[in-house]
Amino acid sequence: MLRGLDLALACAHAADDVKALDIRIFDLRGISTLTDFMVVCSGNSMPHLKAIVRDVEGKVRERGSDRALHTEGKAASRWVVLDFVDVMVHVLDEEFREHYALESLWGDAKEVIWADDHEN
């Protein structure tokens, strides 16, 4: 079963496969009690947001992860959160992402460099 960093990486790669924009992973261990890792990405339309959410959940399940414990929001709300317990995936419309600036809320978090990591 995927957990922690492996799950965060799998989520980022799944989002990348469906062309999510500006995918970032933050290590929140020791900073937040809510989750260990946060993945943030953007979509440029409602169909794109739906595809990102669908593919992230589907592809990580194919790799052995449980489905998200909780999902908050829908593509129509322009912000969807997939809660995998130790990883939270935020899928936002580009405008919402700029407005809410989640990355700045976790300024103390270390960013995980993942784009050069090649998935097996």
PDB file of N, CA and C in Angstrom:
ATOM      1  N   MET A   1       0.832  -1.178   0.000  1.00  0.00           N
ATOM      2  CA  MET A   1       0.000   0.000   0.000  1.00  0.00           C
ATOM      3  C   MET A   1       0.885   1.252   0.000  1.00  0.00           C
ATOM      4  N   LEU A   2       0.498   2.214  -0.795  1.00  0.00           N
ATOM      5  CA  LEU A   2       1.252   3.468  -0.863  1.00  0.00           C
ATOM      6  C   LEU A   2       0.957   4.324   0.353  1.00  0.00           C
ATOM      7  N   ARG A   3       2.006   4.940   0.891  1.00  0.00           N
ATOM      8  CA  ARG A   3       1.878   5.834   2.047  1.00  0.00           C
ATOM      9  C   ARG A   3       2.879   6.971   1.904  1.00  0.00           C
ATOM     10  N   GLY A   4       2.649   8.027   2.633  1.00  0.00           N
ATOM     11  CA  GLY A   4       3.610   9.108   2.762  1.00  0.00           C
ATOM     12  C   GLY A   4       4.135   9.636   1.446  1.00  0.00           C
ATOM     13  N   LEU A   5       5.450   9.753   1.370  1.00  0.00           N
ATOM     14  CA  LEU A   5       6.084  10.333   0.196  1.00  0.00           C
ATOM     15  C   LEU A   5       5.774   9.542  -1.066  1.00  0.00           C
ATOM     16  N   ASP A   6       5.753   8.213  -0.992  1.00  0.00           N
ATOM     17  CA  ASP A   6       5.446   7.407  -2.178  1.00  0.00           C
ATOM     18  C   ASP A   6       4.052   7.733  -2.713  1.00  0.00           C
ATOM     19  N   LEU A   7       3.096   7.916  -1.816  1.00  0.00           N
ATOM     20  CA  LEU A   7       1.742   8.270  -2.225  1.00  0.00           C
ATOM     21  C   LEU A   7       1.705   9.685  -2.808  1.00  0.00           C
ATOM     22  N   ALA A   8       2.405  10.627  -2.183  1.00  0.00           N
ATOM     23  CA  ALA A   8       2.453  11.996  -2.701  1.00  0.00           C
ATOM     24  C   ALA A   8       3.044  12.017  -4.108  1.00  0.00           C
ATOM     25  N   LEU A   9       4.121  11.263  -4.310  1.00  0.00           N
ATOM     26  CA  LEU A   9       4.742  11.181  -5.638  1.00  0.00           C
ATOM     27  C   LEU A   9       3.796  10.554  -6.653  1.00  0.00           C
ATOM     28  N   ALA A  10       3.085   9.511  -6.256  1.00  0.00           N
ATOM     29  CA  ALA A  10       2.130   8.860  -7.160  1.00  0.00           C
ATOM     30  C   ALA A  10       1.011   9.831  -7.540  1.00  0.00           C
ATOM     31  N   CYS A  11       0.546  10.615  -6.595  1.00  0.00           N
ATOM     32  CA  CYS A  11      -0.493  11.614  -6.873  1.00  0.00           C
ATOM     33  C   CYS A  11       0.020  12.669  -7.843  1.00  0.00           C
ATOM     34  N   ALA A  12       1.238  13.141  -7.620  1.00  0.00           N
ATOM     35  CA  ALA A  12       1.820  14.159  -8.507  1.00  0.00           C
ATOM     36  C   ALA A  12       1.985  13.614  -9.924  1.00  0.00           C
ATOM     37  N   HIS A  13       2.475  12.395 -10.047  1.00  0.00           N
ATOM     38  CA  HIS A  13       2.658  11.801 -11.372  1.00  0.00           C
ATOM     39  C   HIS A  13       1.319  11.592 -12.069  1.00  0.00           C
ATOM     40  N   ALA A  14       0.301  11.158 -11.309  1.00  0.00           N
ATOM     41  CA  ALA A  14      -1.029  10.961 -11.906  1.00  0.00           C
ATOM     42  C   ALA A  14      -1.588  12.293 -12.398  1.00  0.00           C
ATOM     43  N   ALA A  15      -1.404  13.350 -11.620  1.00  0.00           N
ATOM     44  CA  ALA A  15      -1.865  14.679 -12.040  1.00  0.00           C
ATOM     45  C   ALA A  15      -1.090  15.131 -13.285  1.00  0.00           C
ATOM     46  N   ASP A  16       0.190  14.850 -13.305  1.00  0.00           N
ATOM     47  CA  ASP A  16       1.022  15.227 -14.443  1.00  0.00           C
ATOM     48  C   ASP A  16       0.583  14.494 -15.714  1.00  0.00           C
ATOM     49  N   ASP A  17       0.195  13.242 -15.571  1.00  0.00           N
ATOM     50  CA  ASP A  17      -0.241  12.449 -16.722  1.00  0.00           C
ATOM     51  C   ASP A  17      -1.450  13.067 -17.426  1.00  0.00           C
ATOM     52  N   VAL A  18      -2.270  13.793 -16.669  1.00  0.00           N
ATOM     53  CA  VAL A  18      -3.459  14.417 -17.254  1.00  0.00           C
ATOM     54  C   VAL A  18      -3.244  15.931 -17.447  1.00  0.00           C
ATOM     55  N   LYS A  19      -1.962  16.317 -17.439  1.00  0.00           N
ATOM     56  CA  LYS A  19      -1.549  17.694 -17.755  1.00  0.00           C
ATOM     57  C   LYS A  19      -2.012  18.732 -16.737  1.00  0.00           C
ATOM     58  N   ALA A  20      -2.065  18.359 -15.452  1.00  0.00           N
ATOM     59  CA  ALA A  20      -2.326  19.353 -14.409  1.00  0.00           C
ATOM     60  C   ALA A  20      -1.207  20.388 -14.457  1.00  0.00           C
ATOM     61  N   LEU A  21      -1.508  21.577 -14.012  1.00  0.00           N
ATOM     62  CA  LEU A  21      -0.565  22.687 -14.092  1.00  0.00           C
ATOM     63  C   LEU A  21       0.106  22.946 -12.749  1.00  0.00           C
ATOM     64  N   ASP A  22       1.364  23.351 -12.787  1.00  0.00           N
ATOM     65  CA  ASP A  22       2.117  23.797 -11.612  1.00  0.00           C
ATOM     66  C   ASP A  22       1.936  22.862 -10.408  1.00  0.00           C
ATOM     67  N   ILE A  23       2.320  21.611 -10.595  1.00  0.00           N
ATOM     68  CA  ILE A  23       2.168  20.593  -9.547  1.00  0.00           C
ATOM     69  C   ILE A  23       3.303  20.755  -8.540  1.00  0.00           C
ATOM     70  N   ARG A  24       2.940  20.868  -7.274  1.00  0.00           N
ATOM     71  CA  ARG A  24       3.943  21.030  -6.216  1.00  0.00           C
ATOM     72  C   ARG A  24       3.598  20.117  -5.045  1.00  0.00           C
ATOM     73  N   ILE A  25       4.644  19.588  -4.414  1.00  0.00           N
ATOM     74  CA  ILE A  25       4.493  18.735  -3.232  1.00  0.00           C
ATOM     75  C   ILE A  25       5.201  19.425  -2.075  1.00  0.00           C
ATOM     76  N   PHE A  26       4.506  19.495  -0.938  1.00  0.00           N
ATOM     77  CA  PHE A  26       5.087  20.090   0.266  1.00  0.00           C
ATOM     78  C   PHE A  26       5.130  19.061   1.384  1.00  0.00           C
ATOM     79  N   ASP A  27       6.257  18.983   2.060  1.00  0.00           N
ATOM     80  CA  ASP A  27       6.461  18.087   3.197  1.00  0.00           C
ATOM     81  C   ASP A  27       6.042  18.844   4.451  1.00  0.00           C
ATOM     82  N   LEU A  28       4.933  18.436   5.037  1.00  0.00           N
ATOM     83  CA  LEU A  28       4.388  19.123   6.207  1.00  0.00           C
ATOM     84  C   LEU A  28       4.667  18.387   7.514  1.00  0.00           C
ATOM     85  N   ARG A  29       5.503  17.342   7.450  1.00  0.00           N
ATOM     86  CA  ARG A  29       5.813  16.600   8.673  1.00  0.00           C
ATOM     87  C   ARG A  29       6.480  17.538   9.673  1.00  0.00           C
ATOM     88  N   GLY A  30       5.972  17.525  10.886  1.00  0.00           N
ATOM     89  CA  GLY A  30       6.506  18.383  11.934  1.00  0.00           C
ATOM     90  C   GLY A  30       5.951  19.794  11.894  1.00  0.00           C
ATOM     91  N   ILE A  31       5.171  20.123  10.882  1.00  0.00           N
ATOM     92  CA  ILE A  31       4.591  21.460  10.744  1.00  0.00           C
ATOM     93  C   ILE A  31       3.080  21.421  10.938  1.00  0.00           C
ATOM     94  N   SER A  32       2.447  20.362  10.440  1.00  0.00           N
ATOM     95  CA  SER A  32       0.990  20.241  10.492  1.00  0.00           C
ATOM     96  C   SER A  32       0.596  18.908  11.110  1.00  0.00           C
ATOM     97  N   THR A  33      -0.491  18.922  11.854  1.00  0.00           N
ATOM     98  CA  THR A  33      -1.034  17.669  12.387  1.00  0.00           C
ATOM     99  C   THR A  33      -2.115  17.110  11.467  1.00  0.00           C
ATOM    100  N   LEU A  34      -2.460  17.852  10.411  1.00  0.00           N
ATOM    101  CA  LEU A  34      -3.513  17.407   9.494  1.00  0.00           C
ATOM    102  C   LEU A  34      -3.051  16.332   8.529  1.00  0.00           C
ATOM    103  N   THR A  35      -1.835  16.472   8.033  1.00  0.00           N
ATOM    104  CA  THR A  35      -1.335  15.556   7.009  1.00  0.00           C
ATOM    105  C   THR A  35       0.183  15.655   6.953  1.00  0.00           C
ATOM    106  N   ASP A  36       0.817  14.677   6.329  1.00  0.00           N
ATOM    107  CA  ASP A  36       2.273  14.692   6.187  1.00  0.00           C
ATOM    108  C   ASP A  36       2.728  15.399   4.914  1.00  0.00           C
ATOM    109  N   PHE A  37       1.951  15.241   3.843  1.00  0.00           N
ATOM    110  CA  PHE A  37       2.314  15.833   2.564  1.00  0.00           C
ATOM    111  C   PHE A  37       1.095  16.486   1.931  1.00  0.00           C
ATOM    112  N   MET A  38       1.344  17.585   1.244  1.00  0.00           N
ATOM    113  CA  MET A  38       0.283  18.263   0.515  1.00  0.00           C
ATOM    114  C   MET A  38       0.730  18.389  -0.937  1.00  0.00           C
ATOM    115  N   VAL A  39      -0.145  17.960  -1.840  1.00  0.00           N
ATOM    116  CA  VAL A  39       0.085  18.114  -3.266  1.00  0.00           C
ATOM    117  C   VAL A  39      -0.893  19.186  -3.743  1.00  0.00           C
ATOM    118  N   VAL A  40      -0.383  20.178  -4.452  1.00  0.00           N
ATOM    119  CA  VAL A  40      -1.215  21.254  -4.970  1.00  0.00           C
ATOM    120  C   VAL A  40      -1.022  21.306  -6.480  1.00  0.00           C
ATOM    121  N   CYS A  41      -2.136  21.390  -7.212  1.00  0.00           N
ATOM    122  CA  CYS A  41      -2.045  21.514  -8.660  1.00  0.00           C
ATOM    123  C   CYS A  41      -3.253  22.284  -9.171  1.00  0.00           C
ATOM    124  N   SER A  42      -3.170  22.698 -10.424  1.00  0.00           N
ATOM    125  CA  SER A  42      -4.239  23.496 -11.022  1.00  0.00           C
ATOM    126  C   SER A  42      -4.744  22.858 -12.299  1.00  0.00           C
ATOM    127  N   GLY A  43      -5.990  23.227 -12.612  1.00  0.00           N
ATOM    128  CA  GLY A  43      -6.597  22.871 -13.882  1.00  0.00           C
ATOM    129  C   GLY A  43      -7.098  24.142 -14.538  1.00  0.00           C
ATOM    130  N   ASN A  44      -7.327  24.084 -15.845  1.00  0.00           N
ATOM    131  CA  ASN A  44      -7.720  25.303 -16.546  1.00  0.00           C
ATOM    132  C   ASN A  44      -9.171  25.327 -17.004  1.00  0.00           C
ATOM    133  N   SER A  45      -9.961  24.314 -16.622  1.00  0.00           N
ATOM    134  CA  SER A  45     -11.389  24.285 -16.962  1.00  0.00           C
ATOM    135  C   SER A  45     -12.065  23.263 -16.048  1.00  0.00           C
ATOM    136  N   MET A  46     -13.394  23.282 -15.995  1.00  0.00           N
ATOM    137  CA  MET A  46     -14.096  22.287 -15.172  1.00  0.00           C
ATOM    138  C   MET A  46     -13.828  20.861 -15.642  1.00  0.00           C
ATOM    139  N   PRO A  47     -13.880  20.594 -16.964  1.00  0.00           N
ATOM    140  CA  PRO A  47     -13.553  19.231 -17.407  1.00  0.00           C
ATOM    141  C   PRO A  47     -12.123  18.828 -17.021  1.00  0.00           C
ATOM    142  N   HIS A  48     -11.194  19.766 -17.071  1.00  0.00           N
ATOM    143  CA  HIS A  48      -9.814  19.470 -16.702  1.00  0.00           C
ATOM    144  C   HIS A  48      -9.726  19.151 -15.214  1.00  0.00           C
ATOM    145  N   LEU A  49     -10.393  19.937 -14.369  1.00  0.00           N
ATOM    146  CA  LEU A  49     -10.401  19.665 -12.927  1.00  0.00           C
ATOM    147  C   LEU A  49     -10.977  18.279 -12.648  1.00  0.00           C
ATOM    148  N   LYS A  50     -12.080  17.943 -13.306  1.00  0.00           N
ATOM    149  CA  LYS A  50     -12.698  16.621 -13.123  1.00  0.00           C
ATOM    150  C   LYS A  50     -11.734  15.507 -13.521  1.00  0.00           C
ATOM    151  N   ALA A  51     -11.056  15.698 -14.647  1.00  0.00           N
ATOM    152  CA  ALA A  51     -10.111  14.683 -15.126  1.00  0.00           C
ATOM    153  C   ALA A  51      -8.953  14.505 -14.155  1.00  0.00           C
ATOM    154  N   ILE A  52      -8.446  15.593 -13.597  1.00  0.00           N
ATOM    155  CA  ILE A  52      -7.341  15.501 -12.635  1.00  0.00           C
ATOM    156  C   ILE A  52      -7.784  14.710 -11.413  1.00  0.00           C
ATOM    157  N   VAL A  53      -8.931  15.069 -10.846  1.00  0.00           N
ATOM    158  CA  VAL A  53      -9.445  14.374  -9.656  1.00  0.00           C
ATOM    159  C   VAL A  53      -9.657  12.893  -9.959  1.00  0.00           C
ATOM    160  N   ARG A  54     -10.306  12.602 -11.081  1.00  0.00           N
ATOM    161  CA  ARG A  54     -10.588  11.208 -11.460  1.00  0.00           C
ATOM    162  C   ARG A  54      -9.304  10.409 -11.622  1.00  0.00           C
ATOM    163  N   ASP A  55      -8.336  10.983 -12.335  1.00  0.00           N
ATOM    164  CA  ASP A  55      -7.113  10.242 -12.619  1.00  0.00           C
ATOM    165  C   ASP A  55      -6.218  10.087 -11.402  1.00  0.00           C
ATOM    166  N   VAL A  56      -6.144  11.109 -10.559  1.00  0.00           N
ATOM    167  CA  VAL A  56      -5.332  10.965  -9.346  1.00  0.00           C
ATOM    168  C   VAL A  56      -5.884   9.832  -8.503  1.00  0.00           C
ATOM    169  N   GLU A  57      -7.175   9.855  -8.240  1.00  0.00           N
ATOM    170  CA  GLU A  57      -7.732   8.791  -7.405  1.00  0.00           C
ATOM    171  C   GLU A  57      -7.626   7.430  -8.082  1.00  0.00           C
ATOM    172  N   GLY A  58      -7.936   7.365  -9.362  1.00  0.00           N
ATOM    173  CA  GLY A  58      -7.900   6.096 -10.079  1.00  0.00           C
ATOM    174  C   GLY A  58      -6.505   5.502 -10.176  1.00  0.00           C
ATOM    175  N   LYS A  59      -5.537   6.321 -10.521  1.00  0.00           N
ATOM    176  CA  LYS A  59      -4.182   5.796 -10.718  1.00  0.00           C
ATOM    177  C   LYS A  59      -3.513   5.392  -9.409  1.00  0.00           C
ATOM    178  N   VAL A  60      -3.779   6.112  -8.327  1.00  0.00           N
ATOM    179  CA  VAL A  60      -3.162   5.681  -7.066  1.00  0.00           C
ATOM    180  C   VAL A  60      -3.841   4.422  -6.544  1.00  0.00           C
ATOM    181  N   ARG A  61      -5.107   4.239  -6.850  1.00  0.00           N
ATOM    182  CA  ARG A  61      -5.774   2.971  -6.471  1.00  0.00           C
ATOM    183  C   ARG A  61      -5.186   1.811  -7.268  1.00  0.00           C
ATOM    184  N   GLU A  62      -4.884   2.039  -8.542  1.00  0.00           N
ATOM    185  CA  GLU A  62      -4.252   0.999  -9.362  1.00  0.00           C
ATOM    186  C   GLU A  62      -2.903   0.591  -8.789  1.00  0.00           C
ATOM    187  N   ARG A  63      -2.235   1.526  -8.110  1.00  0.00           N
ATOM    188  CA  ARG A  63      -0.915   1.253  -7.534  1.00  0.00           C
ATOM    189  C   ARG A  63      -1.001   0.727  -6.110  1.00  0.00           C
ATOM    190  N   GLY A  64      -2.199   0.471  -5.615  1.00  0.00           N
ATOM    191  CA  GLY A  64      -2.339  -0.174  -4.321  1.00  0.00           C
ATOM    192  C   GLY A  64      -2.778   0.707  -3.176  1.00  0.00           C
ATOM    193  N   SER A  65      -3.092   1.951  -3.440  1.00  0.00           N
ATOM    194  CA  SER A  65      -3.555   2.833  -2.373  1.00  0.00           C
ATOM    195  C   SER A  65      -5.044   2.639  -2.141  1.00  0.00           C
ATOM    196  N   ASP A  66      -5.474   2.916  -0.927  1.00  0.00           N
ATOM    197  CA  ASP A  66      -6.908   2.982  -0.659  1.00  0.00           C
ATOM    198  C   ASP A  66      -7.457   4.209  -1.367  1.00  0.00           C
ATOM    199  N   ARG A  67      -8.766   4.238  -1.591  1.00  0.00           N
ATOM    200  CA  ARG A  67      -9.363   5.437  -2.174  1.00  0.00           C
ATOM    201  C   ARG A  67      -9.304   6.543  -1.141  1.00  0.00           C
ATOM    202  N   ALA A  68      -9.451   7.772  -1.559  1.00  0.00           N
ATOM    203  CA  ALA A  68      -9.403   8.904  -0.636  1.00  0.00           C
ATOM    204  C   ALA A  68     -10.426   8.699   0.476  1.00  0.00           C
ATOM    205  N   LEU A  69     -10.007   8.935   1.707  1.00  0.00           N
ATOM    206  CA  LEU A  69     -10.898   8.798   2.856  1.00  0.00           C
ATOM    207  C   LEU A  69     -12.062   9.769   2.744  1.00  0.00           C
ATOM    208  N   HIS A  70     -11.761  10.953   2.225  1.00  0.00           N
ATOM    209  CA  HIS A  70     -12.787  11.983   2.110  1.00  0.00           C
ATOM    210  C   HIS A  70     -12.458  12.863   0.907  1.00  0.00           C
ATOM    211  N   THR A  71     -13.477  13.277   0.202  1.00  0.00           N
ATOM    212  CA  THR A  71     -13.319  14.228  -0.894  1.00  0.00           C
ATOM    213  C   THR A  71     -14.213  15.413  -0.594  1.00  0.00           C
ATOM    214  N   GLU A  72     -13.636  16.596  -0.663  1.00  0.00           N
ATOM    215  CA  GLU A  72     -14.387  17.821  -0.385  1.00  0.00           C
ATOM    216  C   GLU A  72     -14.418  18.663  -1.649  1.00  0.00           C
ATOM    217  N   GLY A  73     -15.600  19.130  -2.015  1.00  0.00           N
ATOM    218  CA  GLY A  73     -15.753  19.987  -3.177  1.00  0.00           C
ATOM    219  C   GLY A  73     -15.970  19.192  -4.455  1.00  0.00           C
ATOM    220  N   LYS A  74     -16.352  19.898  -5.474  1.00  0.00           N
ATOM    221  CA  LYS A  74     -16.554  19.325  -6.804  1.00  0.00           C
ATOM    222  C   LYS A  74     -15.915  20.274  -7.805  1.00  0.00           C
ATOM    223  N   ALA A  75     -15.695  19.795  -9.012  1.00  0.00           N
ATOM    224  CA  ALA A  75     -15.058  20.636 -10.027  1.00  0.00           C
ATOM    225  C   ALA A  75     -15.819  21.954 -10.195  1.00  0.00           C
ATOM    226  N   ALA A  76     -17.153  21.905 -10.089  1.00  0.00           N
ATOM    227  CA  ALA A  76     -17.958  23.122 -10.251  1.00  0.00           C
ATOM    228  C   ALA A  76     -17.644  24.157  -9.169  1.00  0.00           C
ATOM    229  N   SER A  77     -17.148  23.701  -8.010  1.00  0.00           N
ATOM    230  CA  SER A  77     -16.782  24.642  -6.941  1.00  0.00           C
ATOM    231  C   SER A  77     -15.385  25.219  -7.166  1.00  0.00           C
ATOM    232  N   ARG A  78     -14.664  24.685  -8.151  1.00  0.00           N
ATOM    233  CA  ARG A  78     -13.339  25.143  -8.564  1.00  0.00           C
ATOM    234  C   ARG A  78     -12.229  24.812  -7.572  1.00  0.00           C
ATOM    235  N   TRP A  79     -12.541  23.968  -6.566  1.00  0.00           N
ATOM    236  CA  TRP A  79     -11.520  23.534  -5.617  1.00  0.00           C
ATOM    237  C   TRP A  79     -11.955  22.185  -5.060  1.00  0.00           C
ATOM    238  N   VAL A  80     -11.146  21.175  -5.288  1.00  0.00           N
ATOM    239  CA  VAL A  80     -11.437  19.827  -4.794  1.00  0.00           C
ATOM    240  C   VAL A  80     -10.254  19.377  -3.944  1.00  0.00           C
ATOM    241  N   VAL A  81     -10.561  18.786  -2.792  1.00  0.00           N
ATOM    242  CA  VAL A  81      -9.523  18.237  -1.915  1.00  0.00           C
ATOM    243  C   VAL A  81      -9.749  16.739  -1.797  1.00  0.00           C
ATOM    244  N   LEU A  82      -8.719  15.974  -2.112  1.00  0.00           N
ATOM    245  CA  LEU A  82      -8.730  14.522  -1.900  1.00  0.00           C
ATOM    246  C   LEU A  82      -7.899  14.259  -0.650  1.00  0.00           C
ATOM    247  N   ASP A  83      -8.517  13.671   0.352  1.00  0.00           N
ATOM    248  CA  ASP A  83      -7.845  13.423   1.624  1.00  0.00           C
ATOM    249  C   ASP A  83      -7.485  11.950   1.730  1.00  0.00           C
ATOM    250  N   PHE A  84      -6.199  11.649   1.535  1.00  0.00           N
ATOM    251  CA  PHE A  84      -5.688  10.292   1.662  1.00  0.00           C
ATOM    252  C   PHE A  84      -5.052  10.089   3.045  1.00  0.00           C
ATOM    253  N   VAL A  85      -5.385  10.898   4.014  1.00  0.00           N
ATOM    254  CA  VAL A  85      -4.896  10.934   5.388  1.00  0.00           C
ATOM    255  C   VAL A  85      -3.484  11.505   5.463  1.00  0.00           C
ATOM    256  N   ASP A  86      -2.473  10.745   5.051  1.00  0.00           N
ATOM    257  CA  ASP A  86      -1.127  11.292   5.157  1.00  0.00           C
ATOM    258  C   ASP A  86      -0.726  12.121   3.940  1.00  0.00           C
ATOM    259  N   VAL A  87      -1.618  12.205   2.951  1.00  0.00           N
ATOM    260  CA  VAL A  87      -1.430  13.081   1.792  1.00  0.00           C
ATOM    261  C   VAL A  87      -2.773  13.746   1.482  1.00  0.00           C
ATOM    262  N   MET A  88      -2.739  15.065   1.327  1.00  0.00           N
ATOM    263  CA  MET A  88      -3.926  15.797   0.869  1.00  0.00           C
ATOM    264  C   MET A  88      -3.596  16.405  -0.477  1.00  0.00           C
ATOM    265  N   VAL A  89      -4.488  16.183  -1.448  1.00  0.00           N
ATOM    266  CA  VAL A  89      -4.296  16.697  -2.798  1.00  0.00           C
ATOM    267  C   VAL A  89      -5.313  17.812  -3.022  1.00  0.00           C
ATOM    268  N   HIS A  90      -4.818  19.004  -3.313  1.00  0.00           N
ATOM    269  CA  HIS A  90      -5.667  20.159  -3.614  1.00  0.00           C
ATOM    270  C   HIS A  90      -5.623  20.392  -5.114  1.00  0.00           C
ATOM    271  N   VAL A  91      -6.783  20.312  -5.754  1.00  0.00           N
ATOM    272  CA  VAL A  91      -6.912  20.547  -7.188  1.00  0.00           C
ATOM    273  C   VAL A  91      -7.751  21.814  -7.343  1.00  0.00           C
ATOM    274  N   LEU A  92      -7.124  22.880  -7.831  1.00  0.00           N
ATOM    275  CA  LEU A  92      -7.796  24.167  -7.891  1.00  0.00           C
ATOM    276  C   LEU A  92      -7.812  24.753  -9.297  1.00  0.00           C
ATOM    277  N   ASP A  93      -8.837  25.496  -9.564  1.00  0.00           N
ATOM    278  CA  ASP A  93      -8.885  26.365 -10.726  1.00  0.00           C
ATOM    279  C   ASP A  93      -7.735  27.365 -10.581  1.00  0.00           C
ATOM    280  N   GLU A  94      -7.112  27.748 -11.680  1.00  0.00           N
ATOM    281  CA  GLU A  94      -5.953  28.641 -11.627  1.00  0.00           C
ATOM    282  C   GLU A  94      -6.249  29.940 -10.872  1.00  0.00           C
ATOM    283  N   GLU A  95      -7.415  30.525 -11.105  1.00  0.00           N
ATOM    284  CA  GLU A  95      -7.781  31.782 -10.445  1.00  0.00           C
ATOM    285  C   GLU A  95      -7.920  31.592  -8.934  1.00  0.00           C
ATOM    286  N   PHE A  96      -8.573  30.506  -8.522  1.00  0.00           N
ATOM    287  CA  PHE A  96      -8.718  30.219  -7.081  1.00  0.00           C
ATOM    288  C   PHE A  96      -7.355  29.999  -6.451  1.00  0.00           C
ATOM    289  N   ARG A  97      -6.504  29.283  -7.133  1.00  0.00           N
ATOM    290  CA  ARG A  97      -5.186  29.000  -6.572  1.00  0.00           C
ATOM    291  C   ARG A  97      -4.406  30.285  -6.333  1.00  0.00           C
ATOM    292  N   GLU A  98      -4.464  31.180  -7.290  1.00  0.00           N
ATOM    293  CA  GLU A  98      -3.775  32.453  -7.136  1.00  0.00           C
ATOM    294  C   GLU A  98      -4.375  33.249  -5.974  1.00  0.00           C
ATOM    295  N   HIS A  99      -5.698  33.244  -5.871  1.00  0.00           N
ATOM    296  CA  HIS A  99      -6.380  34.007  -4.828  1.00  0.00           C
ATOM    297  C   HIS A  99      -6.085  33.474  -3.423  1.00  0.00           C
ATOM    298  N   TYR A 100      -6.165  32.156  -3.243  1.00  0.00           N
ATOM    299  CA  TYR A 100      -6.002  31.574  -1.911  1.00  0.00           C
ATOM    300  C   TYR A 100      -4.545  31.319  -1.525  1.00  0.00           C
ATOM    301  N   ALA A 101      -3.658  31.254  -2.478  1.00  0.00           N
ATOM    302  CA  ALA A 101      -2.210  31.148  -2.242  1.00  0.00           C
ATOM    303  C   ALA A 101      -1.846  30.144  -1.147  1.00  0.00           C
ATOM    304  N   LEU A 102      -2.285  28.903  -1.330  1.00  0.00           N
ATOM    305  CA  LEU A 102      -2.015  27.851  -0.336  1.00  0.00           C
ATOM    306  C   LEU A 102      -0.529  27.694  -0.041  1.00  0.00           C
ATOM    307  N   GLU A 103       0.290  27.824  -1.075  1.00  0.00           N
ATOM    308  CA  GLU A 103       1.724  27.650  -0.883  1.00  0.00           C
ATOM    309  C   GLU A 103       2.278  28.614   0.168  1.00  0.00           C
ATOM    310  N   SER A 104       1.756  29.823   0.198  1.00  0.00           N
ATOM    311  CA  SER A 104       2.269  30.804   1.163  1.00  0.00           C
ATOM    312  C   SER A 104       1.807  30.498   2.591  1.00  0.00           C
ATOM    313  N   LEU A 105       0.704  29.772   2.725  1.00  0.00           N
ATOM    314  CA  LEU A 105       0.234  29.395   4.070  1.00  0.00           C
ATOM    315  C   LEU A 105       1.202  28.422   4.746  1.00  0.00           C
ATOM    316  N   TRP A 106       1.902  27.647   3.922  1.00  0.00           N
ATOM    317  CA  TRP A 106       2.834  26.639   4.436  1.00  0.00           C
ATOM    318  C   TRP A 106       4.263  27.028   4.087  1.00  0.00           C
ATOM    319  N   GLY A 107       4.594  28.282   4.290  1.00  0.00           N
ATOM    320  CA  GLY A 107       5.901  28.801   3.930  1.00  0.00           C
ATOM    321  C   GLY A 107       7.063  28.094   4.604  1.00  0.00           C
ATOM    322  N   ASP A 108       6.829  27.479   5.771  1.00  0.00           N
ATOM    323  CA  ASP A 108       7.886  26.759   6.481  1.00  0.00           C
ATOM    324  C   ASP A 108       8.112  25.355   5.930  1.00  0.00           C
ATOM    325  N   ALA A 109       7.191  24.902   5.086  1.00  0.00           N
ATOM    326  CA  ALA A 109       7.276  23.534   4.572  1.00  0.00           C
ATOM    327  C   ALA A 109       8.376  23.414   3.526  1.00  0.00           C
ATOM    328  N   LYS A 110       9.025  22.270   3.545  1.00  0.00           N
ATOM    329  CA  LYS A 110      10.044  21.970   2.537  1.00  0.00           C
ATOM    330  C   LYS A 110       9.320  21.468   1.284  1.00  0.00           C
ATOM    331  N   GLU A 111       9.706  22.016   0.130  1.00  0.00           N
ATOM    332  CA  GLU A 111       9.113  21.539  -1.109  1.00  0.00           C
ATOM    333  C   GLU A 111       9.871  20.306  -1.585  1.00  0.00           C
ATOM    334  N   VAL A 112       9.126  19.301  -2.007  1.00  0.00           N
ATOM    335  CA  VAL A 112       9.699  18.068  -2.526  1.00  0.00           C
ATOM    336  C   VAL A 112       9.884  18.239  -4.036  1.00  0.00           C
ATOM    337  N   ILE A 113      11.103  18.078  -4.491  1.00  0.00           N
ATOM    338  CA  ILE A 113      11.376  18.143  -5.928  1.00  0.00           C
ATOM    339  C   ILE A 113      11.050  16.769  -6.509  1.00  0.00           C
ATOM    340  N   TRP A 114      10.097  16.736  -7.397  1.00  0.00           N
ATOM    341  CA  TRP A 114       9.619  15.449  -7.887  1.00  0.00           C
ATOM    342  C   TRP A 114       9.669  15.320  -9.406  1.00  0.00           C
ATOM    343  N   ALA A 115       9.715  16.404 -10.142  1.00  0.00           N
ATOM    344  CA  ALA A 115       9.577  16.337 -11.608  1.00  0.00           C
ATOM    345  C   ALA A 115      10.664  15.513 -12.273  1.00  0.00           C
ATOM    346  N   ASP A 116      11.852  15.446 -11.683  1.00  0.00           N
ATOM    347  CA  ASP A 116      12.929  14.639 -12.249  1.00  0.00           C
ATOM    348  C   ASP A 116      12.895  13.200 -11.759  1.00  0.00           C
ATOM    349  N   ASP A 117      11.988  12.927 -10.834  1.00  0.00           N
ATOM    350  CA  ASP A 117      11.814  11.581 -10.293  1.00  0.00           C
ATOM    351  C   ASP A 117      11.034  10.775 -11.336  1.00  0.00           C
ATOM    352  N   HIS A 118      11.614   9.717 -11.813  1.00  0.00           N
ATOM    353  CA  HIS A 118      10.928   8.916 -12.836  1.00  0.00           C
ATOM    354  C   HIS A 118      10.216   7.762 -12.172  1.00  0.00           C
ATOM    355  N   GLU A 119       8.908   7.737 -12.393  1.00  0.00           N
ATOM    356  CA  GLU A 119       8.059   6.704 -11.815  1.00  0.00           C
ATOM    357  C   GLU A 119       8.371   5.363 -12.440  1.00  0.00           C
ATOM    358  N   ASN A 120       8.410   4.318 -11.622  1.00  0.00           N
ATOM    359  CA  ASN A 120       8.680   2.971 -12.141  1.00  0.00           C
ATOM    360  C   ASN A 120       7.441   2.344 -12.698  1.00  0.00           C
TER     361      ASN A 120
END
